[in-house]
Amino acid sequence: MASMYSPFRGCRKCSEGCLHCYIHKGDAKRNVDTSKIVRTSSFYKPIERKKNGEYKMKSSLVYTCFQTDFLIEEADQYREEIWQMINERKDCDFLFLTKRIERMADVLPSDWNEGYDNVIVGLSIENQRNADKKIPVFLKTSIKHRILALQPLLEKIDIEKYLDDIDLVIVGGESDKDGRVLDYDWVLDIREQCIRKHTDFSFRQCGSHFVKDGILYNLKVKDLMSQARKANIDYKKKSEI
């Protein structure tokens, strides 16, 4: 069972992978200014209680800040209180993704030590340049559970030398009519790297424009995840995510 937790909203594009971000597109349709980072009405969701004292949010895997970046600068004012709630809810596992891993060491709670057992950090990267720039920082940061989110994957990349301390690698394409192509050969190559290192691998979604065996397929957004599942190439060794 999984829950969604969005304590704040709003974001800023900061890398090549952000070009066709679905958050910005959705906000534009609703005339919402994505650049404004504001606290939401769900801020205290993890610790809200029923009349009988039980938590409203059940023990679960909690997808945290999936409509923003947990480490974005403008949310520094909120993060200490969020850390406190995460620490209180030790019965939940909080998973967040970030493109700003270089900020993490500076915004950790005082009792973090080697990392909270119930926090899973996912580093989002899209190309070789950012892999080589950000993964070493990721590995030097005190974190108990690490995943790599290569989504949208924009080119063939080599991450094998970084995988010893990674629990899971997630790969996916770009979901946009103008999205950049995902080549299935890139996906399979990363899978082989993960198998050699005994690191879990998950192919989460195809791209809207997807090349397999030299043929370009133009897929509907609603079919991207189901088509990836049909490939049946996930590899499981370590994680429960």
C-alpha atoms as a PDB file:
ATOM      1  CA  MET A   1       0.000   0.000   0.000  1.00  0.00           C
ATOM      2  CA  ALA A   2       1.282   3.457  -0.887  1.00  0.00           C
ATOM      3  CA  SER A   3       0.322   7.018   0.039  1.00  0.00           C
ATOM      4  CA  MET A   4       1.008  10.388  -1.538  1.00  0.00           C
ATOM      5  CA  TYR A   5       2.323  13.273   0.564  1.00  0.00           C
ATOM      6  CA  SER A   6       2.668  16.768  -0.924  1.00  0.00           C
ATOM      7  CA  PRO A   7       3.595  19.209   1.865  1.00  0.00           C
ATOM      8  CA  PHE A   8       4.401  21.981  -0.618  1.00  0.00           C
ATOM      9  CA  ARG A   9       4.012  22.586  -4.329  1.00  0.00           C
ATOM     10  CA  GLY A  10       5.793  24.511  -7.065  1.00  0.00           C
ATOM     11  CA  CYS A  11       9.169  23.932  -8.691  1.00  0.00           C
ATOM     12  CA  ARG A  12      11.810  25.355 -11.017  1.00  0.00           C
ATOM     13  CA  LYS A  13      13.418  23.619 -13.984  1.00  0.00           C
ATOM     14  CA  CYS A  14      17.053  22.870 -13.291  1.00  0.00           C
ATOM     15  CA  SER A  15      18.310  20.247 -15.752  1.00  0.00           C
ATOM     16  CA  GLU A  16      17.903  18.838 -19.242  1.00  0.00           C
ATOM     17  CA  GLY A  17      15.344  16.335 -17.985  1.00  0.00           C
ATOM     18  CA  CYS A  18      12.963  19.123 -16.956  1.00  0.00           C
ATOM     19  CA  LEU A  19      12.271  20.353 -20.496  1.00  0.00           C
ATOM     20  CA  HIS A  20       8.817  18.753 -20.856  1.00  0.00           C
ATOM     21  CA  CYS A  21       7.954  18.470 -17.154  1.00  0.00           C
ATOM     22  CA  TYR A  22       4.330  17.403 -16.688  1.00  0.00           C
ATOM     23  CA  ILE A  23       4.013  19.535 -13.534  1.00  0.00           C
ATOM     24  CA  HIS A  24       4.753  22.746 -15.412  1.00  0.00           C
ATOM     25  CA  LYS A  25       2.452  21.751 -18.263  1.00  0.00           C
ATOM     26  CA  GLY A  26      -0.408  20.937 -15.902  1.00  0.00           C
ATOM     27  CA  ASP A  27       0.019  24.177 -13.981  1.00  0.00           C
ATOM     28  CA  ALA A  28       0.058  26.198 -17.199  1.00  0.00           C
ATOM     29  CA  LYS A  29      -3.316  24.724 -18.172  1.00  0.00           C
ATOM     30  CA  ARG A  30      -4.726  25.792 -14.788  1.00  0.00           C
ATOM     31  CA  ASN A  31      -3.062  29.240 -14.894  1.00  0.00           C
ATOM     32  CA  VAL A  32      -0.994  28.334 -11.828  1.00  0.00           C
ATOM     33  CA  ASP A  33       2.457  29.884 -11.356  1.00  0.00           C
ATOM     34  CA  THR A  34       4.734  26.861 -10.902  1.00  0.00           C
ATOM     35  CA  SER A  35       7.631  29.060  -9.788  1.00  0.00           C
ATOM     36  CA  LYS A  36       5.830  29.898  -6.532  1.00  0.00           C
ATOM     37  CA  ILE A  37       6.723  27.313  -3.878  1.00  0.00           C
ATOM     38  CA  VAL A  38       3.958  27.299  -1.256  1.00  0.00           C
ATOM     39  CA  ARG A  39       2.851  25.056   1.585  1.00  0.00           C
ATOM     40  CA  THR A  40      -0.226  22.942   0.886  1.00  0.00           C
ATOM     41  CA  SER A  41      -3.238  21.989   2.986  1.00  0.00           C
ATOM     42  CA  SER A  42      -1.723  18.479   3.216  1.00  0.00           C
ATOM     43  CA  PHE A  43       1.328  19.702   5.104  1.00  0.00           C
ATOM     44  CA  TYR A  44       0.492  17.848   8.320  1.00  0.00           C
ATOM     45  CA  LYS A  45      -0.959  14.756   6.648  1.00  0.00           C
ATOM     46  CA  PRO A  46       1.519  12.256   8.187  1.00  0.00           C
ATOM     47  CA  ILE A  47       0.580  13.155  11.759  1.00  0.00           C
ATOM     48  CA  GLU A  48      -3.133  13.923  11.434  1.00  0.00           C
ATOM     49  CA  ARG A  49      -5.153  11.707  13.754  1.00  0.00           C
ATOM     50  CA  LYS A  50      -8.648  10.296  13.986  1.00  0.00           C
ATOM     51  CA  LYS A  51     -10.855  10.892  17.011  1.00  0.00           C
ATOM     52  CA  ASN A  52      -9.644   7.610  18.494  1.00  0.00           C
ATOM     53  CA  GLY A  53      -6.032   8.810  18.306  1.00  0.00           C
ATOM     54  CA  GLU A  54      -4.951   6.630  15.410  1.00  0.00           C
ATOM     55  CA  TYR A  55      -3.079   8.197  12.520  1.00  0.00           C
ATOM     56  CA  LYS A  56      -5.277   8.889   9.508  1.00  0.00           C
ATOM     57  CA  MET A  57      -2.447   7.941   7.153  1.00  0.00           C
ATOM     58  CA  LYS A  58      -1.819   4.236   7.497  1.00  0.00           C
ATOM     59  CA  SER A  59       1.619   2.643   7.609  1.00  0.00           C
ATOM     60  CA  SER A  60       2.778   2.632   4.008  1.00  0.00           C
ATOM     61  CA  LEU A  61       5.336   3.588   1.420  1.00  0.00           C
ATOM     62  CA  VAL A  62       4.867   7.355   1.125  1.00  0.00           C
ATOM     63  CA  TYR A  63       5.652   9.053  -2.190  1.00  0.00           C
ATOM     64  CA  THR A  64       6.837  12.435  -0.939  1.00  0.00           C
ATOM     65  CA  CYS A  65       6.929  15.651  -2.986  1.00  0.00           C
ATOM     66  CA  PHE A  66       6.322  13.915  -6.320  1.00  0.00           C
ATOM     67  CA  GLN A  67       5.052  17.229  -7.731  1.00  0.00           C
ATOM     68  CA  THR A  68       8.160  19.166  -6.779  1.00  0.00           C
ATOM     69  CA  ASP A  69      11.738  18.609  -5.588  1.00  0.00           C
ATOM     70  CA  PHE A  70      12.056  17.889  -1.866  1.00  0.00           C
ATOM     71  CA  LEU A  71      15.391  19.761  -1.724  1.00  0.00           C
ATOM     72  CA  ILE A  72      14.384  22.902  -3.622  1.00  0.00           C
ATOM     73  CA  GLU A  73      15.779  26.028  -1.955  1.00  0.00           C
ATOM     74  CA  GLU A  74      12.469  27.825  -1.499  1.00  0.00           C
ATOM     75  CA  ALA A  75      11.198  24.985   0.716  1.00  0.00           C
ATOM     76  CA  ASP A  76      14.012  25.286   3.276  1.00  0.00           C
ATOM     77  CA  GLN A  77      11.599  27.060   5.616  1.00  0.00           C
ATOM     78  CA  TYR A  78       9.317  24.000   5.672  1.00  0.00           C
ATOM     79  CA  ARG A  79      11.787  21.146   5.711  1.00  0.00           C
ATOM     80  CA  GLU A  80      12.751  21.009   9.395  1.00  0.00           C
ATOM     81  CA  GLU A  81       9.135  20.458  10.391  1.00  0.00           C
ATOM     82  CA  ILE A  82       8.730  17.861   7.638  1.00  0.00           C
ATOM     83  CA  TRP A  83      11.792  15.995   8.924  1.00  0.00           C
ATOM     84  CA  GLN A  84      10.204  15.939  12.379  1.00  0.00           C
ATOM     85  CA  MET A  85       7.020  14.385  11.017  1.00  0.00           C
ATOM     86  CA  ILE A  86       8.981  11.824   9.010  1.00  0.00           C
ATOM     87  CA  ASN A  87      10.928  10.885  12.124  1.00  0.00           C
ATOM     88  CA  GLU A  88       7.709  10.560  14.123  1.00  0.00           C
ATOM     89  CA  ARG A  89       6.171   8.219  11.541  1.00  0.00           C
ATOM     90  CA  LYS A  90       8.815   5.506  11.731  1.00  0.00           C
ATOM     91  CA  ASP A  91       6.132   3.029  10.649  1.00  0.00           C
ATOM     92  CA  CYS A  92       6.136   4.626   7.163  1.00  0.00           C
ATOM     93  CA  ASP A  93       8.848   4.677   4.501  1.00  0.00           C
ATOM     94  CA  PHE A  94       9.158   8.095   2.871  1.00  0.00           C
ATOM     95  CA  LEU A  95      10.499   8.144  -0.690  1.00  0.00           C
ATOM     96  CA  PHE A  96      11.465  11.369  -2.434  1.00  0.00           C
ATOM     97  CA  LEU A  97      13.250  12.174  -5.689  1.00  0.00           C
ATOM     98  CA  THR A  98      15.642  15.060  -6.212  1.00  0.00           C
ATOM     99  CA  LYS A  99      17.739  16.682  -8.909  1.00  0.00           C
ATOM    100  CA  ARG A 100      19.424  18.819  -6.246  1.00  0.00           C
ATOM    101  CA  ILE A 101      21.413  16.222  -4.299  1.00  0.00           C
ATOM    102  CA  GLU A 102      24.261  18.693  -3.763  1.00  0.00           C
ATOM    103  CA  ARG A 103      22.017  20.519  -1.258  1.00  0.00           C
ATOM    104  CA  MET A 104      21.137  17.547   0.901  1.00  0.00           C
ATOM    105  CA  ALA A 105      24.106  17.532   3.267  1.00  0.00           C
ATOM    106  CA  ASP A 106      23.319  21.150   4.202  1.00  0.00           C
ATOM    107  CA  VAL A 107      19.621  20.615   4.997  1.00  0.00           C
ATOM    108  CA  LEU A 108      19.662  17.420   7.069  1.00  0.00           C
ATOM    109  CA  PRO A 109      18.146  17.283  10.568  1.00  0.00           C
ATOM    110  CA  SER A 110      20.501  17.261  13.564  1.00  0.00           C
ATOM    111  CA  ASP A 111      19.635  13.645  14.438  1.00  0.00           C
ATOM    112  CA  TRP A 112      20.128  12.284  10.904  1.00  0.00           C
ATOM    113  CA  ASN A 113      23.493  10.618  11.685  1.00  0.00           C
ATOM    114  CA  GLU A 114      23.961   7.968   8.952  1.00  0.00           C
ATOM    115  CA  GLY A 115      20.405   8.468   7.727  1.00  0.00           C
ATOM    116  CA  TYR A 116      16.863   7.707   8.841  1.00  0.00           C
ATOM    117  CA  ASP A 117      15.932   4.069   8.362  1.00  0.00           C
ATOM    118  CA  ASN A 118      12.561   5.115   6.911  1.00  0.00           C
ATOM    119  CA  VAL A 119      13.815   7.519   4.225  1.00  0.00           C
ATOM    120  CA  ILE A 120      14.558   6.426   0.651  1.00  0.00           C
ATOM    121  CA  VAL A 121      16.295   9.017  -1.513  1.00  0.00           C
ATOM    122  CA  GLY A 122      16.072   8.848  -5.285  1.00  0.00           C
ATOM    123  CA  LEU A 123      18.516  10.801  -7.430  1.00  0.00           C
ATOM    124  CA  SER A 124      16.960  11.825 -10.741  1.00  0.00           C
ATOM    125  CA  ILE A 125      19.368  12.008 -13.687  1.00  0.00           C
ATOM    126  CA  GLU A 126      18.954  11.854 -17.454  1.00  0.00           C
ATOM    127  CA  ASN A 127      22.367  11.794 -19.136  1.00  0.00           C
ATOM    128  CA  GLN A 128      26.026  10.857 -18.666  1.00  0.00           C
ATOM    129  CA  ARG A 129      27.108  14.373 -17.729  1.00  0.00           C
ATOM    130  CA  ASN A 130      24.753  14.566 -14.763  1.00  0.00           C
ATOM    131  CA  ALA A 131      25.458  10.956 -13.805  1.00  0.00           C
ATOM    132  CA  ASP A 132      29.158  11.688 -13.442  1.00  0.00           C
ATOM    133  CA  LYS A 133      28.515  15.009 -11.727  1.00  0.00           C
ATOM    134  CA  LYS A 134      25.792  14.016  -9.265  1.00  0.00           C
ATOM    135  CA  ILE A 135      26.121  10.319  -8.434  1.00  0.00           C
ATOM    136  CA  PRO A 136      29.490  10.745  -6.636  1.00  0.00           C
ATOM    137  CA  VAL A 137      27.878  13.429  -4.439  1.00  0.00           C
ATOM    138  CA  PHE A 138      24.928  11.107  -3.846  1.00  0.00           C
ATOM    139  CA  LEU A 139      27.204   8.288  -2.720  1.00  0.00           C
ATOM    140  CA  LYS A 140      29.171  10.533  -0.358  1.00  0.00           C
ATOM    141  CA  THR A 141      25.993  11.755   1.374  1.00  0.00           C
ATOM    142  CA  SER A 142      24.873   9.786   4.440  1.00  0.00           C
ATOM    143  CA  ILE A 143      21.766   7.942   3.234  1.00  0.00           C
ATOM    144  CA  LYS A 144      20.505   4.494   4.254  1.00  0.00           C
ATOM    145  CA  HIS A 145      18.522   3.693   1.101  1.00  0.00           C
ATOM    146  CA  ARG A 146      19.447   4.990  -2.376  1.00  0.00           C
ATOM    147  CA  ILE A 147      17.781   4.639  -5.761  1.00  0.00           C
ATOM    148  CA  LEU A 148      18.605   6.086  -9.166  1.00  0.00           C
ATOM    149  CA  ALA A 149      15.733   7.385 -11.304  1.00  0.00           C
ATOM    150  CA  LEU A 150      16.866   7.562 -14.930  1.00  0.00           C
ATOM    151  CA  GLN A 151      13.685   9.176 -16.170  1.00  0.00           C
ATOM    152  CA  PRO A 152      13.499  10.601 -18.719  1.00  0.00           C
ATOM    153  CA  LEU A 153      16.537   8.734 -19.999  1.00  0.00           C
ATOM    154  CA  LEU A 154      17.924  10.839 -22.841  1.00  0.00           C
ATOM    155  CA  GLU A 155      20.955   8.849 -23.964  1.00  0.00           C
ATOM    156  CA  LYS A 156      22.949   5.697 -23.417  1.00  0.00           C
ATOM    157  CA  ILE A 157      24.791   6.022 -20.111  1.00  0.00           C
ATOM    158  CA  ASP A 158      27.320   4.015 -18.102  1.00  0.00           C
ATOM    159  CA  ILE A 159      26.584   3.869 -14.358  1.00  0.00           C
ATOM    160  CA  GLU A 160      27.991   0.445 -13.509  1.00  0.00           C
ATOM    161  CA  LYS A 161      30.875   1.745 -11.410  1.00  0.00           C
ATOM    162  CA  TYR A 162      28.414   3.552  -9.133  1.00  0.00           C
ATOM    163  CA  LEU A 163      26.009   0.691  -8.426  1.00  0.00           C
ATOM    164  CA  ASP A 164      27.558  -1.043  -5.398  1.00  0.00           C
ATOM    165  CA  ASP A 165      25.615   1.146  -2.942  1.00  0.00           C
ATOM    166  CA  ILE A 166      22.455   1.621  -5.010  1.00  0.00           C
ATOM    167  CA  ASP A 167      19.355  -0.409  -4.091  1.00  0.00           C
ATOM    168  CA  LEU A 168      17.310   0.134  -7.242  1.00  0.00           C
ATOM    169  CA  VAL A 169      17.619   1.694 -10.698  1.00  0.00           C
ATOM    170  CA  ILE A 170      14.412   2.941 -12.343  1.00  0.00           C
ATOM    171  CA  VAL A 171      14.393   3.691 -16.067  1.00  0.00           C
ATOM    172  CA  GLY A 172      11.741   5.465 -18.105  1.00  0.00           C
ATOM    173  CA  GLY A 173      11.116   7.636 -21.127  1.00  0.00           C
ATOM    174  CA  GLU A 174       9.591  11.064 -21.624  1.00  0.00           C
ATOM    175  CA  SER A 175       5.801  11.334 -21.713  1.00  0.00           C
ATOM    176  CA  ASP A 176       5.119  14.216 -24.068  1.00  0.00           C
ATOM    177  CA  LYS A 177       4.029  14.609 -27.685  1.00  0.00           C
ATOM    178  CA  ASP A 178       7.227  16.588 -28.244  1.00  0.00           C
ATOM    179  CA  GLY A 179       9.266  14.317 -25.994  1.00  0.00           C
ATOM    180  CA  ARG A 180      12.710  13.065 -26.840  1.00  0.00           C
ATOM    181  CA  VAL A 181      13.183   9.499 -28.043  1.00  0.00           C
ATOM    182  CA  LEU A 182      13.879   6.600 -25.698  1.00  0.00           C
ATOM    183  CA  ASP A 183      15.869   3.788 -27.310  1.00  0.00           C
ATOM    184  CA  TYR A 184      15.144   0.322 -25.929  1.00  0.00           C
ATOM    185  CA  ASP A 185      18.801  -0.620 -26.409  1.00  0.00           C
ATOM    186  CA  TRP A 186      19.725   1.985 -23.779  1.00  0.00           C
ATOM    187  CA  VAL A 187      17.259   0.405 -21.368  1.00  0.00           C
ATOM    188  CA  LEU A 188      18.612  -3.097 -21.921  1.00  0.00           C
ATOM    189  CA  ASP A 189      22.187  -1.890 -21.524  1.00  0.00           C
ATOM    190  CA  ILE A 190      21.419  -0.378 -18.116  1.00  0.00           C
ATOM    191  CA  ARG A 191      19.618  -3.578 -17.140  1.00  0.00           C
ATOM    192  CA  GLU A 192      22.745  -5.597 -17.920  1.00  0.00           C
ATOM    193  CA  GLN A 193      24.855  -3.208 -15.825  1.00  0.00           C
ATOM    194  CA  CYS A 194      22.460  -3.724 -12.902  1.00  0.00           C
ATOM    195  CA  ILE A 195      22.491  -7.511 -13.244  1.00  0.00           C
ATOM    196  CA  ARG A 196      26.273  -7.590 -13.207  1.00  0.00           C
ATOM    197  CA  LYS A 197      26.229  -5.553  -9.982  1.00  0.00           C
ATOM    198  CA  HIS A 198      23.237  -7.394  -8.430  1.00  0.00           C
ATOM    199  CA  THR A 199      21.293  -4.142  -8.264  1.00  0.00           C
ATOM    200  CA  ASP A 200      17.510  -4.122  -8.689  1.00  0.00           C
ATOM    201  CA  PHE A 201      16.247  -2.757 -12.007  1.00  0.00           C
ATOM    202  CA  SER A 202      12.788  -1.558 -13.005  1.00  0.00           C
ATOM    203  CA  PHE A 203      11.623  -0.437 -16.439  1.00  0.00           C
ATOM    204  CA  ARG A 204       8.792   1.894 -15.353  1.00  0.00           C
ATOM    205  CA  GLN A 205       7.598   3.394 -18.630  1.00  0.00           C
ATOM    206  CA  CYS A 206       8.316   3.675 -22.334  1.00  0.00           C
ATOM    207  CA  GLY A 207       8.676   7.072 -23.931  1.00  0.00           C
ATOM    208  CA  SER A 208       5.995   8.700 -26.054  1.00  0.00           C
ATOM    209  CA  HIS A 209       8.543   8.213 -28.834  1.00  0.00           C
ATOM    210  CA  PHE A 210      10.160   4.826 -28.412  1.00  0.00           C
ATOM    211  CA  VAL A 211      12.666   3.010 -30.600  1.00  0.00           C
ATOM    212  CA  LYS A 212      12.886  -0.783 -30.551  1.00  0.00           C
ATOM    213  CA  ASP A 213      14.785  -2.867 -33.099  1.00  0.00           C
ATOM    214  CA  GLY A 214      15.324   0.251 -35.168  1.00  0.00           C
ATOM    215  CA  ILE A 215      11.590   1.008 -35.438  1.00  0.00           C
ATOM    216  CA  LEU A 216      10.121   4.225 -34.017  1.00  0.00           C
ATOM    217  CA  TYR A 217       6.841   3.829 -32.143  1.00  0.00           C
ATOM    218  CA  ASN A 218       4.631   6.770 -31.157  1.00  0.00           C
ATOM    219  CA  LEU A 219       2.737   5.745 -28.041  1.00  0.00           C
ATOM    220  CA  LYS A 220      -0.136   7.236 -26.057  1.00  0.00           C
ATOM    221  CA  VAL A 221       0.694   8.465 -22.563  1.00  0.00           C
ATOM    222  CA  LYS A 222      -1.866   6.107 -21.031  1.00  0.00           C
ATOM    223  CA  ASP A 223      -0.005   3.124 -22.508  1.00  0.00           C
ATOM    224  CA  LEU A 224       3.552   3.981 -21.484  1.00  0.00           C
ATOM    225  CA  MET A 225       3.606   2.088 -18.191  1.00  0.00           C
ATOM    226  CA  SER A 226       1.658  -0.929 -19.404  1.00  0.00           C
ATOM    227  CA  GLN A 227       3.929  -1.334 -22.429  1.00  0.00           C
ATOM    228  CA  ALA A 228       6.973  -1.260 -20.151  1.00  0.00           C
ATOM    229  CA  ARG A 229       5.438  -3.974 -17.951  1.00  0.00           C
ATOM    230  CA  LYS A 230       4.806  -6.125 -21.019  1.00  0.00           C
ATOM    231  CA  ALA A 231       8.542  -6.082 -21.724  1.00  0.00           C
ATOM    232  CA  ASN A 232       8.914  -8.109 -18.485  1.00  0.00           C
ATOM    233  CA  ILE A 233      12.573  -7.182 -17.972  1.00  0.00           C
ATOM    234  CA  ASP A 234      12.572  -6.085 -14.307  1.00  0.00           C
ATOM    235  CA  TYR A 235      15.335  -7.590 -12.163  1.00  0.00           C
ATOM    236  CA  LYS A 236      14.956  -7.989  -8.404  1.00  0.00           C
ATOM    237  CA  LYS A 237      17.748  -8.735  -5.978  1.00  0.00           C
ATOM    238  CA  LYS A 238      17.833  -6.175  -3.149  1.00  0.00           C
ATOM    239  CA  SER A 239      14.960  -3.766  -2.620  1.00  0.00           C
ATOM    240  CA  GLU A 240      11.311  -3.930  -1.588  1.00  0.00           C
ATOM    241  CA  ILE A 241      10.387  -0.702  -3.389  1.00  0.00           C
END
